[in-house]
Protein backbone atom coordinates (compact mmCIF):
# COMPACT_ATOMS: atom_id res chain seq x y z
CA UNK A 1 18.97 -16.55 2.18
CA UNK A 2 21.90 -18.36 0.87
CA UNK A 3 22.94 -21.82 1.57
CA UNK A 4 25.05 -24.67 0.33
CA UNK A 5 25.00 -26.20 -3.51
CA UNK A 6 25.54 -29.95 -3.82
CA UNK A 7 29.22 -29.02 -3.67
CA UNK A 8 30.69 -25.74 -2.57
CA UNK A 9 28.90 -22.67 -1.11
CA UNK A 10 27.52 -19.47 -2.48
CA UNK A 11 28.22 -16.09 -1.10
CA UNK A 12 25.56 -13.68 -0.83
CA UNK A 13 25.42 -9.87 -0.04
CA UNK A 14 27.13 -10.57 3.49
CA UNK A 15 28.94 -13.70 3.41
CA UNK A 16 27.39 -17.19 3.29
CA UNK A 17 24.11 -17.36 5.23
CA UNK A 18 21.18 -19.86 5.88
CA UNK A 19 19.16 -21.68 8.62
CA UNK A 20 21.78 -23.18 10.73
CA UNK A 21 21.99 -27.06 9.92
CA UNK A 22 19.78 -26.67 6.85
CA UNK A 23 20.73 -24.07 4.67
CA UNK A 24 24.15 -23.65 6.14
CA UNK A 25 25.67 -26.91 7.53
CA UNK A 26 28.80 -28.04 9.38
CA UNK A 27 29.87 -29.61 6.02
CA UNK A 28 29.62 -26.01 4.38
CA UNK A 29 31.69 -24.56 7.33
CA UNK A 30 34.24 -27.36 7.09
CA UNK A 31 34.54 -26.80 3.03
CA UNK A 32 35.00 -23.26 3.59
CA UNK A 33 37.73 -23.72 6.52
CA UNK A 34 39.58 -25.84 3.92
CA UNK A 35 39.19 -23.39 1.10
CA UNK A 36 40.23 -20.52 3.36
CA UNK A 37 43.35 -22.40 4.21
CA UNK A 38 44.22 -22.82 0.62
CA UNK A 39 43.49 -19.37 -0.29
CA UNK A 40 45.06 -17.49 2.76
CA UNK A 41 47.31 -19.92 4.34
CA UNK A 42 47.27 -18.75 7.86
CA UNK A 43 46.89 -18.02 10.60
CA UNK A 44 43.13 -17.17 10.54
CA UNK A 45 41.23 -15.69 13.57
CA UNK A 46 37.67 -16.72 13.87
CA UNK A 47 34.88 -15.28 16.13
CA UNK A 48 31.21 -15.79 16.48
CA UNK A 49 27.98 -14.28 18.08
CA UNK A 50 26.01 -16.08 20.85
CA UNK A 51 23.76 -18.18 18.62
CA UNK A 52 23.34 -21.83 19.70
CA UNK A 53 24.97 -22.89 16.39
CA UNK A 54 27.90 -20.79 16.54
CA UNK A 55 30.17 -23.30 18.31
CA UNK A 56 29.09 -26.11 15.93
CA UNK A 57 29.92 -24.08 12.78
CA UNK A 58 33.03 -22.26 14.10
CA UNK A 59 34.38 -25.59 15.25
CA UNK A 60 33.74 -27.26 11.72
CA UNK A 61 35.34 -24.14 10.02
CA UNK A 62 38.44 -24.62 12.34
CA UNK A 63 38.67 -28.30 11.60
CA UNK A 64 38.48 -27.51 7.74
CA UNK A 65 41.11 -24.96 8.07
CA UNK A 66 43.55 -27.10 10.19
CA UNK A 67 42.90 -29.88 7.64
CA UNK A 68 44.26 -27.52 5.04
CA UNK A 69 47.32 -26.87 7.26
CA UNK A 70 46.39 -23.50 8.65
CA UNK A 71 46.57 -22.28 12.29
CA UNK A 72 43.40 -21.04 13.51
CA UNK A 73 43.04 -18.50 16.42
CA UNK A 74 39.70 -18.71 18.15
CA UNK A 75 38.55 -15.52 19.60
CA UNK A 76 35.20 -17.05 20.86
CA UNK A 77 32.28 -14.90 21.30
CA UNK A 78 33.31 -11.42 19.97
CA UNK A 79 31.66 -8.52 18.02
CA UNK A 80 32.33 -8.89 14.27
CA UNK A 81 34.25 -5.60 13.96
CA UNK A 82 36.27 -6.85 16.92
CA UNK A 83 37.39 -9.95 15.16
CA UNK A 84 38.22 -7.73 12.18
CA UNK A 85 40.13 -5.38 14.38
CA UNK A 86 42.12 -8.05 16.02
CA UNK A 87 43.33 -9.53 12.79
CA UNK A 88 46.14 -7.25 11.93
CA UNK A 89 47.41 -7.26 15.72
CA UNK A 90 47.48 -10.96 15.65
CA UNK A 91 49.24 -11.26 12.17
CA UNK A 92 46.45 -12.96 10.68
CA UNK A 93 45.95 -13.48 6.96
CA UNK A 94 42.31 -13.42 7.15
CA UNK A 95 39.38 -12.81 9.77
CA UNK A 96 36.31 -14.90 9.83
CA UNK A 97 33.05 -14.30 11.73
CA UNK A 98 30.36 -16.84 12.31
CA UNK A 99 27.16 -14.64 12.58
CA UNK A 100 23.84 -13.92 11.11
CA UNK A 101 24.00 -10.30 12.49
CA UNK A 102 20.59 -8.92 13.21
CA UNK A 103 18.74 -12.09 11.86
CA UNK A 104 16.69 -14.46 14.09
CA UNK A 105 18.57 -17.11 16.20
CA UNK A 106 17.93 -20.08 14.04
CA UNK A 107 19.81 -18.42 11.10
CA UNK A 108 23.67 -18.19 10.91
CA UNK A 109 26.29 -17.21 8.59
CA UNK A 110 30.08 -17.01 7.75
CA UNK A 111 31.70 -14.09 6.61
CA UNK A 112 35.37 -13.33 5.70
CA UNK A 113 37.69 -10.29 6.23
CA UNK A 114 41.16 -9.66 4.78
CA UNK A 115 44.15 -9.67 7.21
CA UNK A 116 43.75 -5.90 7.27
CA UNK A 117 40.22 -6.24 8.47
CA UNK A 118 38.49 -5.33 5.55
CA UNK A 119 35.64 -6.96 3.65
CA UNK A 120 36.73 -9.27 0.98
CA UNK A 121 36.29 -8.06 -2.65
CA UNK A 122 33.76 -10.22 -4.77
CA UNK A 123 36.51 -11.84 -6.66
CA UNK A 124 38.02 -13.26 -3.51
CA UNK A 125 34.75 -14.59 -2.60
CA UNK A 126 34.41 -16.25 -6.01
CA UNK A 127 37.66 -17.85 -5.20
CA UNK A 128 36.50 -19.22 -2.08
CA UNK A 129 33.35 -20.66 -3.88
CA UNK A 130 35.43 -22.39 -6.45
CA UNK A 131 37.88 -23.67 -3.90
CA UNK A 132 35.07 -25.00 -1.40
CA UNK A 133 33.70 -27.08 -4.34
CA UNK A 134 36.90 -29.02 -5.02
CA UNK A 135 37.56 -32.36 -3.54
CA UNK A 136 40.22 -31.62 -1.14
CA UNK A 137 42.91 -34.08 -2.08
CA UNK A 138 46.42 -33.87 -1.17
CA UNK A 139 45.74 -32.52 2.46
CA UNK A 140 48.81 -32.32 4.73
CA UNK A 141 49.49 -35.08 7.20
CA UNK A 142 51.82 -35.24 10.38
CA UNK A 143 53.50 -31.95 11.24
CA UNK A 144 51.74 -30.26 8.28
CA UNK A 145 48.22 -30.43 10.01
CA UNK A 146 47.13 -26.97 11.26
CA UNK A 147 46.61 -26.25 14.93
CA UNK A 148 43.70 -24.54 16.68
CA UNK A 149 44.68 -22.19 19.60
CA UNK A 150 42.35 -20.11 21.80
CA UNK A 151 42.89 -16.35 22.17
CA UNK A 152 43.43 -15.21 25.77
CA UNK A 153 41.08 -12.36 26.82
CA UNK A 154 39.73 -11.44 23.46
CA UNK A 155 37.08 -8.97 24.87
CA UNK A 156 39.58 -7.09 26.93
CA UNK A 157 42.05 -6.97 23.94
CA UNK A 158 39.39 -5.41 21.81
CA UNK A 159 38.01 -2.98 24.40
CA UNK A 160 41.66 -1.84 24.90
CA UNK A 161 42.24 -1.42 21.22
CA UNK A 162 39.04 0.85 20.85
CA UNK A 163 39.58 2.79 23.95
CA UNK A 164 43.23 3.50 22.97
CA UNK A 165 41.95 5.24 19.98
CA UNK A 166 38.62 6.96 21.25
CA UNK A 167 37.87 7.58 25.03
CA UNK A 168 35.37 10.28 25.50
CA UNK A 169 35.20 11.92 28.93
CA UNK A 170 31.65 10.78 30.13
CA UNK A 171 31.91 11.44 33.95
CA UNK A 172 28.58 12.22 35.32
CA UNK A 173 26.63 10.90 32.44
CA UNK A 174 23.96 8.09 32.83
CA UNK A 175 24.09 5.72 29.73
CA UNK A 176 21.83 2.77 29.01
CA UNK A 177 23.21 -0.21 26.73
CA UNK A 178 21.04 -2.78 25.12
CA UNK A 179 23.38 -5.39 23.86
CA UNK A 180 20.83 -7.65 22.11
CA UNK A 181 21.94 -10.74 24.05
CA UNK A 182 24.66 -10.88 21.38
CA UNK A 183 28.26 -10.32 20.91
CA UNK A 184 28.47 -7.09 22.62
CA UNK A 185 27.09 -8.41 26.00
CA UNK A 186 30.65 -8.58 27.52
CA UNK A 187 32.76 -6.12 25.59
CA UNK A 188 30.30 -3.15 25.45
CA UNK A 189 29.74 -2.91 29.20
CA UNK A 190 33.57 -3.25 29.62
CA UNK A 191 34.39 -0.56 27.40
CA UNK A 192 31.86 2.02 28.63
CA UNK A 193 32.63 1.29 32.41
CA UNK A 194 35.99 2.91 31.80
CA UNK A 195 34.63 6.21 30.81
CA UNK A 196 33.69 7.40 34.23
CA UNK A 197 29.78 7.13 33.27
CA UNK A 198 27.12 5.64 35.31
CA UNK A 199 26.24 2.64 32.91
CA UNK A 200 23.39 0.25 33.07
CA UNK A 201 22.60 -2.63 30.60
CA UNK A 202 19.87 -4.80 29.18
CA UNK A 203 20.22 -7.65 26.74
CA UNK A 204 23.40 -8.93 28.41
CA UNK A 205 21.99 -12.49 29.34
CA UNK A 206 22.55 -14.59 26.04
CA UNK A 207 21.04 -18.09 26.11
CA UNK A 208 21.89 -19.14 22.68
CA UNK A 209 18.30 -18.72 21.39
CA UNK A 210 17.51 -15.19 22.61
CA UNK A 211 19.83 -13.11 20.44
CA UNK A 212 17.99 -10.20 18.87
CA UNK A 213 14.76 -11.30 20.51
CA UNK A 214 12.65 -8.25 21.44
CA UNK A 215 15.90 -6.31 22.14
CA UNK A 216 18.75 -4.62 20.35
CA UNK A 217 18.80 -2.35 17.47
CA UNK A 218 15.96 -4.12 15.68
CA UNK A 219 13.62 -3.60 18.64
CA UNK A 220 14.99 -0.19 19.64
CA UNK A 221 11.48 1.03 20.01
CA UNK A 222 11.12 -0.88 23.24
CA UNK A 223 14.00 0.75 24.85
CA UNK A 224 13.06 3.09 27.71
CA UNK A 225 15.93 5.77 28.23
CA UNK A 226 14.04 7.64 30.95
CA UNK A 227 16.55 9.03 33.44
CA UNK A 228 19.48 8.50 31.08
CA UNK A 229 21.24 10.95 28.90
CA UNK A 230 21.59 8.59 25.92
CA UNK A 231 20.94 4.75 25.17
CA UNK A 232 22.59 2.64 22.78
CA UNK A 233 21.18 -0.40 21.09
CA UNK A 234 23.54 -2.80 19.22
CA UNK A 235 22.52 -5.67 16.88
CA UNK A 236 23.48 -9.19 17.42
CA UNK A 237 27.10 -8.99 16.17
CA UNK A 238 27.48 -5.43 17.28
CA UNK A 239 28.53 -4.02 13.70
CA UNK A 240 25.39 -1.69 14.01
CA UNK A 241 24.09 0.63 16.63
CA UNK A 242 21.17 2.94 16.98
CA UNK A 243 20.68 5.51 19.67
CA UNK A 244 17.79 6.98 21.75
CA UNK A 245 18.12 10.48 23.04
CA UNK A 246 17.05 11.70 26.44
CA UNK A 247 13.49 12.44 25.29
CA UNK A 248 12.88 8.83 23.97
CA UNK A 249 13.44 9.67 20.34
CA UNK A 250 15.23 7.11 18.18
CA UNK A 251 18.42 8.47 16.41
CA UNK A 252 18.99 6.20 13.32
CA UNK A 253 22.07 5.75 11.27
CA UNK A 254 21.20 8.65 8.84
CA UNK A 255 21.14 11.10 11.74
CA UNK A 256 24.15 9.49 13.56
CA UNK A 257 26.21 9.87 10.34
CA UNK A 258 24.94 13.61 9.85
CA UNK A 259 25.92 14.35 13.53
CA UNK A 260 29.40 12.96 13.03
CA UNK A 261 30.01 14.44 9.60
CA UNK A 262 29.09 18.11 10.75
CA UNK A 263 31.30 17.49 13.66
CA UNK A 264 34.33 16.51 11.46
CA UNK A 265 33.66 19.47 9.27
CA UNK A 266 33.46 21.91 12.09
CA UNK A 267 36.93 20.59 13.46
CA UNK A 268 38.21 20.97 9.83
CA UNK A 269 39.20 17.21 9.32
CA UNK A 270 36.47 16.06 6.99
CA UNK A 271 38.52 16.90 3.85
CA UNK A 272 37.45 18.06 0.52
CA UNK A 273 35.15 16.34 -1.91
CA UNK A 274 32.89 13.46 -0.92
CA UNK A 275 33.79 13.18 2.75
CA UNK A 276 30.79 11.15 3.44
CA UNK A 277 29.42 7.98 1.83
CA UNK A 278 25.90 6.60 2.19
CA UNK A 279 23.52 4.21 0.15
CA UNK A 280 20.60 5.09 -2.06
CA UNK A 281 18.31 4.27 1.00
CA UNK A 282 19.28 7.26 3.06
CA UNK A 283 16.56 9.54 3.92
CA UNK A 284 16.11 12.60 1.57
CA UNK A 285 16.39 14.79 4.50
CA UNK A 286 20.02 13.62 5.07
CA UNK A 287 21.10 14.73 1.50
CA UNK A 288 19.35 18.17 2.14
CA UNK A 289 21.10 18.69 5.42
CA UNK A 290 24.50 17.85 3.76
CA UNK A 291 23.81 20.22 0.96
CA UNK A 292 22.93 22.85 3.43
CA UNK A 293 26.22 22.18 5.41
CA UNK A 294 28.18 22.16 2.31
CA UNK A 295 29.49 18.61 2.81
CA UNK A 296 30.09 16.52 -0.16
CA UNK A 297 28.81 13.01 -0.35
CA UNK A 298 28.92 9.90 -2.56
CA UNK A 299 25.89 7.50 -2.84
CA UNK A 300 26.31 3.89 -3.44
CA UNK A 301 24.00 0.71 -3.91
CA UNK A 302 22.71 -0.77 -0.78
CA UNK A 303 25.33 -2.86 1.20
CA UNK A 304 28.04 -2.05 3.58
CA UNK A 305 30.60 -3.56 1.39
CA UNK A 306 29.71 -0.82 -1.36
CA UNK A 307 30.15 1.98 1.34
CA UNK A 308 33.38 0.67 2.65
CA UNK A 309 34.90 0.29 -1.08
CA UNK A 310 33.87 3.87 -1.91
CA UNK A 311 35.14 5.30 1.25
CA UNK A 312 38.59 3.56 0.65
CA UNK A 313 38.59 4.63 -2.96
CA UNK A 314 37.76 8.32 -2.20
CA UNK A 315 39.35 8.67 1.18
CA UNK A 316 36.00 9.60 2.92
CA UNK A 317 36.12 9.89 6.66
CA UNK A 318 32.54 8.59 7.48
CA UNK A 319 30.03 6.62 5.82
CA UNK A 320 27.40 3.91 6.48
CA UNK A 321 23.48 3.04 6.25
CA UNK A 322 20.31 4.13 7.97
CA UNK A 323 20.36 0.67 9.78
CA UNK A 324 23.04 2.11 11.96
CA UNK A 325 25.98 0.35 10.08
CA UNK A 326 28.68 3.22 10.34
CA UNK A 327 32.25 3.18 9.22
CA UNK A 328 34.65 5.81 10.84
CA UNK A 329 37.76 5.57 8.68
CA UNK A 330 39.91 7.33 11.37
CA UNK A 331 39.30 4.29 13.76
CA UNK A 332 38.11 1.29 11.80
CA UNK A 333 38.15 -0.59 8.58
CA UNK A 334 34.60 -1.96 8.96
CA UNK A 335 31.30 -0.98 10.58
CA UNK A 336 31.50 -0.94 14.21
CA UNK A 337 28.76 -0.25 16.68
CA UNK A 338 30.96 0.29 19.71
CA UNK A 339 33.06 2.83 18.10
CA UNK A 340 30.24 4.54 16.59
CA UNK A 341 28.56 4.84 20.06
CA UNK A 342 31.69 6.22 21.36
CA UNK A 343 32.24 8.69 18.62
CA UNK A 344 28.75 10.05 19.23
CA UNK A 345 29.07 10.23 22.81
CA UNK A 346 32.48 11.96 22.28
CA UNK A 347 30.47 14.77 20.31
CA UNK A 348 27.85 15.00 23.00
CA UNK A 349 30.61 15.57 25.68
CA UNK A 350 32.90 17.96 23.70
CA UNK A 351 30.05 20.09 22.65
CA UNK A 352 28.06 19.77 25.71
CA UNK A 353 24.78 19.45 23.79
CA UNK A 354 22.25 16.76 24.31
CA UNK A 355 21.65 14.15 21.61
CA UNK A 356 18.01 15.62 20.88
CA UNK A 357 19.58 18.86 20.07
CA UNK A 358 22.42 17.37 17.91
CA UNK A 359 19.86 15.26 15.98
CA UNK A 360 18.36 18.40 14.82
CA UNK A 361 21.08 18.38 12.24
CA UNK A 362 18.53 17.03 9.66
CA UNK A 363 14.84 16.64 9.18
CA UNK A 364 13.57 13.13 8.35
CA UNK A 365 11.28 13.07 5.48
CA UNK A 366 8.12 10.91 5.58
CA UNK A 367 8.89 7.66 3.87
CA UNK A 368 6.61 4.96 2.53
CA UNK A 369 8.13 1.45 1.42
CA UNK A 370 5.94 -1.00 -0.44
CA UNK A 371 7.19 -4.55 -1.27
CA UNK A 372 5.56 -5.88 -4.45
CA UNK A 373 6.07 -9.69 -4.52
CA UNK A 374 6.84 -11.66 -7.63
CA UNK A 375 6.63 -15.15 -8.19
CA UNK A 376 10.52 -15.79 -8.43
CA UNK A 377 13.41 -13.50 -7.47
CA UNK A 378 14.76 -13.60 -11.12
CA UNK A 379 11.64 -11.71 -12.26
CA UNK A 380 12.27 -8.59 -10.10
CA UNK A 381 14.79 -6.90 -12.15
CA UNK A 382 12.58 -7.46 -15.31
CA UNK A 383 9.47 -6.12 -13.88
CA UNK A 384 11.29 -3.10 -12.45
CA UNK A 385 12.60 -2.16 -15.84
CA UNK A 386 9.50 -2.70 -17.80
CA UNK A 387 8.21 0.11 -19.98
CA UNK A 388 4.79 0.58 -17.97
CA UNK A 389 6.68 0.84 -14.78
CA UNK A 390 9.37 3.27 -16.28
CA UNK A 391 6.40 5.52 -17.49
CA UNK A 392 4.75 5.52 -14.04
CA UNK A 393 8.04 6.42 -12.30
CA UNK A 394 8.64 9.12 -14.60
CA UNK A 395 5.11 10.44 -13.84
CA UNK A 396 5.76 10.03 -10.04
CA UNK A 397 9.04 12.06 -10.34
CA UNK A 398 7.38 14.86 -11.84
CA UNK A 399 4.59 14.73 -9.07
CA UNK A 400 7.14 14.71 -6.45
CA UNK A 401 9.21 17.48 -7.75
CA UNK A 402 12.16 18.78 -5.62
CA UNK A 403 10.39 17.86 -2.47
CA UNK A 404 10.51 14.19 -2.98
CA UNK A 405 12.06 11.26 -4.76
CA UNK A 406 11.08 7.65 -5.79
CA UNK A 407 13.27 4.58 -5.71
CA UNK A 408 12.57 1.19 -7.30
CA UNK A 409 14.93 -1.53 -6.10
CA UNK A 410 14.61 -5.13 -7.17
CA UNK A 411 15.74 -7.31 -4.29
CA UNK A 412 18.88 -9.40 -5.01
CA UNK A 413 17.82 -12.07 -2.66
CA UNK A 414 14.04 -12.03 -2.24
CA UNK A 415 11.22 -12.29 -4.83
CA UNK A 416 10.01 -8.61 -4.42
CA UNK A 417 10.39 -5.08 -5.89
CA UNK A 418 10.77 -2.55 -3.32
CA UNK A 419 9.04 0.82 -4.02
CA UNK A 420 10.25 3.66 -1.87
CA UNK A 421 8.91 6.89 -1.87
CA UNK A 422 9.80 10.15 0.16
CA UNK A 423 8.18 13.55 0.24
CA UNK A 424 7.82 16.59 2.53
CA UNK A 425 3.98 15.62 2.65
CA UNK A 426 3.15 12.30 4.01
CA UNK A 427 -0.20 11.85 2.13
CA UNK A 428 1.60 12.58 -1.15
CA UNK A 429 4.09 10.07 -0.20
CA UNK A 430 1.60 7.31 0.42
CA UNK A 431 -0.45 8.04 -2.62
CA UNK A 432 2.39 8.00 -4.91
CA UNK A 433 3.94 4.82 -3.54
CA UNK A 434 0.40 3.25 -3.76
CA UNK A 435 0.00 4.16 -7.49
CA UNK A 436 3.51 3.01 -8.56
CA UNK A 437 3.14 -0.27 -6.66
CA UNK A 438 -0.05 -1.30 -8.42
CA UNK A 439 1.62 -0.46 -11.71
CA UNK A 440 4.51 -2.80 -10.68
CA UNK A 441 2.21 -5.47 -9.70
CA UNK A 442 0.11 -5.18 -13.04
CA UNK A 443 3.36 -5.26 -14.97
CA UNK A 444 4.30 -8.44 -13.24
CA UNK A 445 0.81 -10.01 -13.29
CA UNK A 446 2.21 -13.01 -15.33
CA UNK A 447 4.41 -13.92 -12.70
CA UNK A 448 1.77 -13.86 -10.02
CA UNK A 449 2.33 -10.49 -8.65
CA UNK A 450 0.30 -8.99 -5.61
CA UNK A 451 0.87 -6.04 -3.68
CA UNK A 452 1.63 -6.18 0.14
CA UNK A 453 2.88 -3.01 2.15
C-alpha cells in the first residue's frame, strides 16, 4: 500500500494507492491534479470505478488540475482501459483513472496513462512525485483557470470503439457476465448485447461498497456457468478477465494467452521472435506449451507495466499475466478485460470449438506458493539473497530437474519473501516449497521471520 508523504505522493507498482481518506486523501488527489496540469498541460480525461470514494478523489483531482489551468474531461464510471482508449480520440494529453482495481472497496488509487493510452514510464511518475511536493505558487487566475466538462455517453463511446475493432459472431450462444459490481457493470452488457448472443449478467448492481465483494475475477470460483457456453468474470476496473468454460472449469490468464497465441500463429499473424510476453509467475505448463507450439516468448518481472513495455519494444502481439490482465496489441495499448473476452469468444466462434477444448492447449502444473513474512519489507531482498537460501535454492533446482522450477520473489510492497515451486508431481512441489521456506525463515530469524502458507 502506498500513500502520501508529508508533502507529495509516492507511486507504487500501479499508481498511487492506499485506503481512501487515510492513505490516499483528497489533498493527495488535489496535489496530483495540479502536478498533472503542470506536466501534461491539458486536456486530461479522468474516469473512475464504482467505489464510494471515487467521486471524492476524482473531484479533488479535477479541482487540482483546473487550478493548474488544465481542462478536465470527466468520463465518470468507466473501465480503466476505456479511459485509456478514449484519450487519443478526445485529444487528451493524459488519461487518469481513480481505482484500486481488484482490491476491497475501502482502498482506492490514482493511475496515469499517456495521451496515447499507455502506462507512464517510471521517470514520468517521478516527475509527478516531484511536482506534487511543490507548493503550487503562481497559479493562473481569471480566464487562465481550467474548466471541467462531462463527457456524454462514455460507455456507449467505449463500446462502439471496441466493437468497431472486434465483433465476434456469437448468435446462438449463451453468455454469462460477472461485472464485479464495478466499472464494467454498464459497458460490458452493452457491448455483448450487440453480438446476437443471449446474455445474462451478475454483479451489475454497484452500491459503492460492494465492488469485488464475493464476485468478479477474484471470486470466480463462485460463478455457476451451468447452461451457458462461457462465462466471463471481470475485476473492479475491468482491466482483467477470467473465463469459466461450459463444464465449470476456470480458464485463467495463462490459458487465455496460450489460446490466443496459438490462434494468432495458426492464422499467420503472430510474427517471428518473441510474439508473446508473460511474467515470471506464469505457470510452467505455459512455457512448455509455447515450446511445443514453436512460439517464442519473453519473460518479464511481475507487473503489467513490464509486460506492456516489453511488448512495445519487441512488437509482440499478445502478453499478460496469470491474473487475467491481457494485452492484445492489435486492438489496445493496455490490459483490457472486455477486449480479451471478445477475442476469446471470437476464437470460439471462428473455430466452432468449446472453451474446454481450446483450454487443453496447455497443462497446468501443480504450484505451491509460500509467503515467508519478514519483520520489515526492506529485509525481504536481503534474506532472499543470503548464502544459506542460495544453497537451498540450488539444491531444490537439482531435485526439481526439467519437470519443475523454483522462484524466490521478495515483495516490493509487503514484508514477505514469496517462495513459488512448480512440478509435475504435486507432492514434490509441496515438499520442496516447504523445505526452502524453512531455510528462508531461518535466514531471516533476526528479523523475526515466521512461515505462513
